[in-house]
Amino acid sequence: MQRIKSGDQVEVIAGKDLGERGKVVSVINKKDRVVVEGVNRLKKHERARQAGNRQVPAQIVEFDSPIHLSNVMLVCPSCDERTRVGFRYLDDGTKTRFCKKCDSDVD
């Protein structure tokens, strides 16, 4: 089970976007990276090209670049603070994540 999943609210704890909060768009497990909405925005210059029958003009595209997993922390939905994540098994045998500060379930 992952500590951070898609749809979680996270806060950046290191880097140029320190203190920014955002929603996780995707998780790249093989590289230990996450894409956070509105964080680590980069610009890419694209040249004009032919796409089928139409011409695509030259443009500058902004996009969210992946950030390393160690540079973000989960924000607990109940206490609204950044926190470490723990795991526990419920009575029915399912594994769940919980907030280490307020001891409430994250899932």
N, C-alpha and C. Protein backbone atom coordinates (compact mmCIF):
# COMPACT_ATOMS: atom_id res chain seq x y z
N MET A 1 0.84 -1.18 0.00
CA MET A 1 0.00 0.00 0.00
C MET A 1 0.89 1.24 0.00
N GLN A 2 0.48 2.24 -0.74
CA GLN A 2 1.26 3.46 -0.88
C GLN A 2 0.91 4.47 0.20
N ARG A 3 1.90 5.28 0.58
CA ARG A 3 1.64 6.33 1.56
C ARG A 3 0.89 7.49 0.94
N ILE A 4 1.17 7.80 -0.32
CA ILE A 4 0.49 8.88 -1.02
C ILE A 4 -0.14 8.31 -2.28
N LYS A 5 -1.41 8.64 -2.50
CA LYS A 5 -2.16 8.13 -3.64
C LYS A 5 -2.71 9.29 -4.46
N SER A 6 -3.20 8.98 -5.65
CA SER A 6 -3.84 9.99 -6.48
C SER A 6 -5.08 10.52 -5.77
N GLY A 7 -5.26 11.83 -5.82
CA GLY A 7 -6.41 12.46 -5.18
C GLY A 7 -6.13 12.98 -3.79
N ASP A 8 -4.99 12.63 -3.20
CA ASP A 8 -4.62 13.11 -1.87
C ASP A 8 -4.21 14.58 -1.91
N GLN A 9 -4.43 15.28 -0.82
CA GLN A 9 -3.95 16.65 -0.66
C GLN A 9 -2.57 16.57 -0.02
N VAL A 10 -1.55 17.20 -0.66
CA VAL A 10 -0.19 17.16 -0.13
C VAL A 10 0.38 18.57 -0.02
N GLU A 11 1.43 18.69 0.79
CA GLU A 11 2.16 19.96 0.94
C GLU A 11 3.62 19.72 0.60
N VAL A 12 4.21 20.65 -0.14
CA VAL A 12 5.62 20.54 -0.52
C VAL A 12 6.47 20.98 0.66
N ILE A 13 7.46 20.14 1.04
CA ILE A 13 8.29 20.44 2.21
C ILE A 13 9.72 20.78 1.83
N ALA A 14 10.08 20.73 0.53
CA ALA A 14 11.42 21.07 0.10
C ALA A 14 11.38 21.51 -1.36
N GLY A 15 12.29 22.42 -1.72
CA GLY A 15 12.38 22.86 -3.11
C GLY A 15 11.85 24.25 -3.32
N LYS A 16 11.72 24.64 -4.60
CA LYS A 16 11.33 26.00 -4.93
C LYS A 16 9.86 26.30 -4.61
N ASP A 17 9.04 25.29 -4.49
CA ASP A 17 7.61 25.48 -4.18
C ASP A 17 7.31 25.15 -2.72
N LEU A 18 8.25 25.41 -1.83
CA LEU A 18 8.11 25.11 -0.41
C LEU A 18 6.84 25.73 0.17
N GLY A 19 6.02 24.92 0.85
CA GLY A 19 4.81 25.40 1.50
C GLY A 19 3.56 25.36 0.63
N GLU A 20 3.71 25.09 -0.66
CA GLU A 20 2.55 25.02 -1.56
C GLU A 20 1.77 23.73 -1.29
N ARG A 21 0.45 23.85 -1.41
CA ARG A 21 -0.43 22.68 -1.27
C ARG A 21 -1.13 22.42 -2.60
N GLY A 22 -1.40 21.15 -2.85
CA GLY A 22 -2.08 20.79 -4.08
C GLY A 22 -2.57 19.36 -4.04
N LYS A 23 -3.36 19.02 -5.04
CA LYS A 23 -3.93 17.68 -5.15
C LYS A 23 -3.04 16.83 -6.04
N VAL A 24 -2.81 15.58 -5.66
CA VAL A 24 -1.96 14.67 -6.43
C VAL A 24 -2.75 14.22 -7.67
N VAL A 25 -2.17 14.49 -8.84
CA VAL A 25 -2.80 14.11 -10.10
C VAL A 25 -2.44 12.68 -10.45
N SER A 26 -1.15 12.33 -10.33
CA SER A 26 -0.72 10.97 -10.63
C SER A 26 0.52 10.62 -9.82
N VAL A 27 0.74 9.32 -9.66
CA VAL A 27 1.90 8.80 -8.94
C VAL A 27 2.70 7.94 -9.91
N ILE A 28 4.02 8.20 -9.98
CA ILE A 28 4.92 7.42 -10.84
C ILE A 28 5.75 6.54 -9.90
N ASN A 29 5.33 5.30 -9.70
CA ASN A 29 5.94 4.41 -8.72
C ASN A 29 7.38 4.04 -9.05
N LYS A 30 7.69 3.79 -10.32
CA LYS A 30 9.03 3.34 -10.68
C LYS A 30 10.09 4.38 -10.41
N LYS A 31 9.72 5.66 -10.45
CA LYS A 31 10.69 6.74 -10.23
C LYS A 31 10.48 7.44 -8.89
N ASP A 32 9.55 6.97 -8.06
CA ASP A 32 9.23 7.58 -6.77
C ASP A 32 8.90 9.06 -6.91
N ARG A 33 8.02 9.39 -7.83
CA ARG A 33 7.65 10.78 -8.08
C ARG A 33 6.13 10.93 -8.14
N VAL A 34 5.68 12.15 -7.86
CA VAL A 34 4.26 12.47 -7.94
C VAL A 34 4.08 13.76 -8.74
N VAL A 35 2.96 13.86 -9.44
CA VAL A 35 2.60 15.09 -10.14
C VAL A 35 1.52 15.76 -9.30
N VAL A 36 1.82 16.98 -8.83
CA VAL A 36 0.91 17.73 -7.97
C VAL A 36 0.35 18.90 -8.76
N GLU A 37 -0.95 19.09 -8.68
CA GLU A 37 -1.64 20.14 -9.42
C GLU A 37 -1.18 21.53 -8.96
N GLY A 38 -0.65 22.33 -9.88
CA GLY A 38 -0.24 23.69 -9.59
C GLY A 38 1.15 23.83 -8.98
N VAL A 39 1.88 22.73 -8.82
CA VAL A 39 3.21 22.76 -8.20
C VAL A 39 4.24 22.31 -9.23
N ASN A 40 5.44 22.92 -9.20
CA ASN A 40 6.54 22.61 -10.11
C ASN A 40 6.13 22.82 -11.56
N ARG A 41 5.54 24.00 -11.85
CA ARG A 41 5.11 24.34 -13.21
C ARG A 41 6.31 24.67 -14.07
N LEU A 42 6.38 24.06 -15.24
CA LEU A 42 7.44 24.31 -16.19
C LEU A 42 6.85 24.77 -17.51
N LYS A 43 7.67 25.46 -18.32
CA LYS A 43 7.25 25.91 -19.64
C LYS A 43 8.07 25.18 -20.69
N LYS A 44 7.39 24.76 -21.75
CA LYS A 44 8.06 24.07 -22.84
C LYS A 44 7.73 24.78 -24.14
N HIS A 45 8.74 25.13 -24.90
CA HIS A 45 8.55 25.79 -26.18
C HIS A 45 8.39 24.74 -27.26
N GLU A 46 7.28 24.80 -28.00
CA GLU A 46 7.03 23.84 -29.07
C GLU A 46 7.06 24.56 -30.40
N ARG A 47 7.71 23.98 -31.38
CA ARG A 47 7.76 24.59 -32.70
C ARG A 47 6.52 24.23 -33.50
N ALA A 48 6.27 24.99 -34.55
CA ALA A 48 5.12 24.74 -35.42
C ALA A 48 5.31 23.39 -36.11
N ARG A 49 4.22 22.67 -36.27
CA ARG A 49 4.31 21.35 -36.89
C ARG A 49 3.04 21.03 -37.65
N GLN A 50 3.13 20.02 -38.48
CA GLN A 50 1.99 19.55 -39.25
C GLN A 50 1.40 18.34 -38.53
N ALA A 51 0.12 18.39 -38.17
CA ALA A 51 -0.55 17.28 -37.50
C ALA A 51 -1.70 16.82 -38.38
N GLY A 52 -1.43 15.84 -39.24
CA GLY A 52 -2.46 15.37 -40.16
C GLY A 52 -2.68 16.41 -41.25
N ASN A 53 -3.92 16.89 -41.36
CA ASN A 53 -4.26 17.89 -42.37
C ASN A 53 -4.17 19.32 -41.85
N ARG A 54 -3.95 19.50 -40.56
CA ARG A 54 -3.97 20.86 -40.02
C ARG A 54 -2.58 21.27 -39.51
N GLN A 55 -2.39 22.56 -39.45
CA GLN A 55 -1.12 23.13 -39.00
C GLN A 55 -1.26 23.55 -37.54
N VAL A 56 -0.36 23.09 -36.67
CA VAL A 56 -0.35 23.47 -35.26
C VAL A 56 0.68 24.58 -35.10
N PRO A 57 0.27 25.75 -34.59
CA PRO A 57 1.22 26.87 -34.49
C PRO A 57 2.24 26.66 -33.37
N ALA A 58 3.33 27.43 -33.45
CA ALA A 58 4.33 27.42 -32.38
C ALA A 58 3.71 28.00 -31.12
N GLN A 59 4.04 27.44 -29.96
CA GLN A 59 3.42 27.89 -28.72
C GLN A 59 4.29 27.55 -27.53
N ILE A 60 3.96 28.18 -26.41
CA ILE A 60 4.62 27.87 -25.14
C ILE A 60 3.60 27.15 -24.28
N VAL A 61 3.92 25.93 -23.89
CA VAL A 61 2.99 25.09 -23.12
C VAL A 61 3.47 25.03 -21.67
N GLU A 62 2.56 25.30 -20.72
CA GLU A 62 2.87 25.14 -19.30
C GLU A 62 2.31 23.82 -18.82
N PHE A 63 3.09 23.11 -17.98
CA PHE A 63 2.63 21.83 -17.47
C PHE A 63 3.22 21.59 -16.09
N ASP A 64 2.57 20.69 -15.33
CA ASP A 64 3.05 20.31 -14.01
C ASP A 64 4.06 19.19 -14.16
N SER A 65 5.26 19.41 -13.66
CA SER A 65 6.32 18.43 -13.76
C SER A 65 6.33 17.56 -12.49
N PRO A 66 6.78 16.31 -12.58
CA PRO A 66 6.84 15.45 -11.39
C PRO A 66 7.81 15.98 -10.34
N ILE A 67 7.50 15.73 -9.09
CA ILE A 67 8.34 16.10 -7.96
C ILE A 67 8.60 14.83 -7.15
N HIS A 68 9.78 14.75 -6.52
CA HIS A 68 10.13 13.53 -5.81
C HIS A 68 9.22 13.32 -4.60
N LEU A 69 8.93 12.07 -4.31
CA LEU A 69 8.02 11.69 -3.24
C LEU A 69 8.50 12.16 -1.87
N SER A 70 9.82 12.25 -1.69
CA SER A 70 10.35 12.66 -0.39
C SER A 70 10.17 14.15 -0.14
N ASN A 71 9.81 14.91 -1.16
CA ASN A 71 9.65 16.36 -1.01
C ASN A 71 8.21 16.77 -0.74
N VAL A 72 7.32 15.82 -0.55
CA VAL A 72 5.92 16.14 -0.23
C VAL A 72 5.47 15.36 1.00
N MET A 73 4.51 15.93 1.72
CA MET A 73 3.91 15.25 2.87
C MET A 73 2.40 15.31 2.73
N LEU A 74 1.75 14.27 3.18
CA LEU A 74 0.29 14.20 3.14
C LEU A 74 -0.33 15.21 4.11
N VAL A 75 -1.42 15.85 3.68
CA VAL A 75 -2.18 16.74 4.56
C VAL A 75 -3.41 15.96 5.03
N CYS A 76 -3.54 15.82 6.35
CA CYS A 76 -4.64 15.05 6.92
C CYS A 76 -5.96 15.77 6.64
N PRO A 77 -6.99 15.06 6.14
CA PRO A 77 -8.26 15.70 5.85
C PRO A 77 -9.02 16.14 7.11
N SER A 78 -8.77 15.50 8.25
CA SER A 78 -9.53 15.86 9.45
C SER A 78 -8.88 16.98 10.26
N CYS A 79 -7.54 16.94 10.45
CA CYS A 79 -6.89 17.98 11.25
C CYS A 79 -6.24 19.06 10.39
N ASP A 80 -6.21 18.90 9.07
CA ASP A 80 -5.71 19.88 8.11
C ASP A 80 -4.26 20.28 8.38
N GLU A 81 -3.43 19.33 8.84
CA GLU A 81 -2.01 19.56 9.05
C GLU A 81 -1.23 18.52 8.25
N ARG A 82 0.00 18.88 7.86
CA ARG A 82 0.83 17.88 7.19
C ARG A 82 1.29 16.87 8.24
N THR A 83 1.31 15.60 7.83
CA THR A 83 1.54 14.55 8.81
C THR A 83 2.22 13.35 8.19
N ARG A 84 2.80 12.54 9.04
CA ARG A 84 3.30 11.24 8.61
C ARG A 84 2.12 10.29 8.51
N VAL A 85 2.35 9.21 7.76
CA VAL A 85 1.27 8.25 7.52
C VAL A 85 1.64 6.92 8.16
N GLY A 86 0.69 6.34 8.87
CA GLY A 86 0.87 5.01 9.44
C GLY A 86 -0.13 4.06 8.82
N PHE A 87 0.09 2.78 9.04
CA PHE A 87 -0.81 1.75 8.52
C PHE A 87 -1.32 0.90 9.66
N ARG A 88 -2.58 0.48 9.55
CA ARG A 88 -3.15 -0.45 10.53
C ARG A 88 -4.19 -1.32 9.84
N TYR A 89 -4.46 -2.44 10.49
CA TYR A 89 -5.48 -3.36 9.99
C TYR A 89 -6.75 -3.16 10.79
N LEU A 90 -7.87 -3.06 10.08
CA LEU A 90 -9.17 -2.92 10.73
C LEU A 90 -9.67 -4.29 11.16
N ASP A 91 -10.80 -4.32 11.87
CA ASP A 91 -11.36 -5.58 12.38
C ASP A 91 -11.73 -6.54 11.25
N ASP A 92 -12.15 -5.99 10.10
CA ASP A 92 -12.53 -6.86 8.99
C ASP A 92 -11.33 -7.33 8.16
N GLY A 93 -10.09 -6.96 8.57
CA GLY A 93 -8.89 -7.45 7.92
C GLY A 93 -8.35 -6.54 6.82
N THR A 94 -8.99 -5.42 6.56
CA THR A 94 -8.49 -4.52 5.52
C THR A 94 -7.42 -3.58 6.09
N LYS A 95 -6.46 -3.25 5.26
CA LYS A 95 -5.37 -2.37 5.67
C LYS A 95 -5.75 -0.93 5.32
N THR A 96 -5.50 0.00 6.22
CA THR A 96 -5.87 1.39 5.99
C THR A 96 -4.75 2.32 6.44
N ARG A 97 -4.74 3.53 5.91
CA ARG A 97 -3.77 4.55 6.32
C ARG A 97 -4.38 5.40 7.43
N PHE A 98 -3.52 5.89 8.35
CA PHE A 98 -4.02 6.78 9.38
C PHE A 98 -3.03 7.90 9.65
N CYS A 99 -3.55 9.00 10.17
CA CYS A 99 -2.75 10.19 10.50
C CYS A 99 -2.04 9.94 11.83
N LYS A 100 -0.73 10.22 11.86
CA LYS A 100 0.04 10.00 13.08
C LYS A 100 -0.20 11.10 14.12
N LYS A 101 -0.77 12.25 13.72
CA LYS A 101 -1.00 13.34 14.66
C LYS A 101 -2.32 13.21 15.39
N CYS A 102 -3.41 13.01 14.59
CA CYS A 102 -4.74 12.97 15.24
C CYS A 102 -5.32 11.56 15.31
N ASP A 103 -4.59 10.56 14.78
CA ASP A 103 -4.97 9.15 14.84
C ASP A 103 -6.29 8.83 14.13
N SER A 104 -6.65 9.63 13.12
CA SER A 104 -7.87 9.35 12.36
C SER A 104 -7.51 8.70 11.01
N ASP A 105 -8.45 7.95 10.47
CA ASP A 105 -8.22 7.28 9.19
C ASP A 105 -8.17 8.29 8.06
N VAL A 106 -7.23 8.09 7.12
CA VAL A 106 -7.09 8.96 5.97
C VAL A 106 -7.99 8.48 4.83
N ASP A 107 -8.09 7.16 4.67
CA ASP A 107 -8.90 6.61 3.58
C ASP A 107 -10.38 6.72 3.84
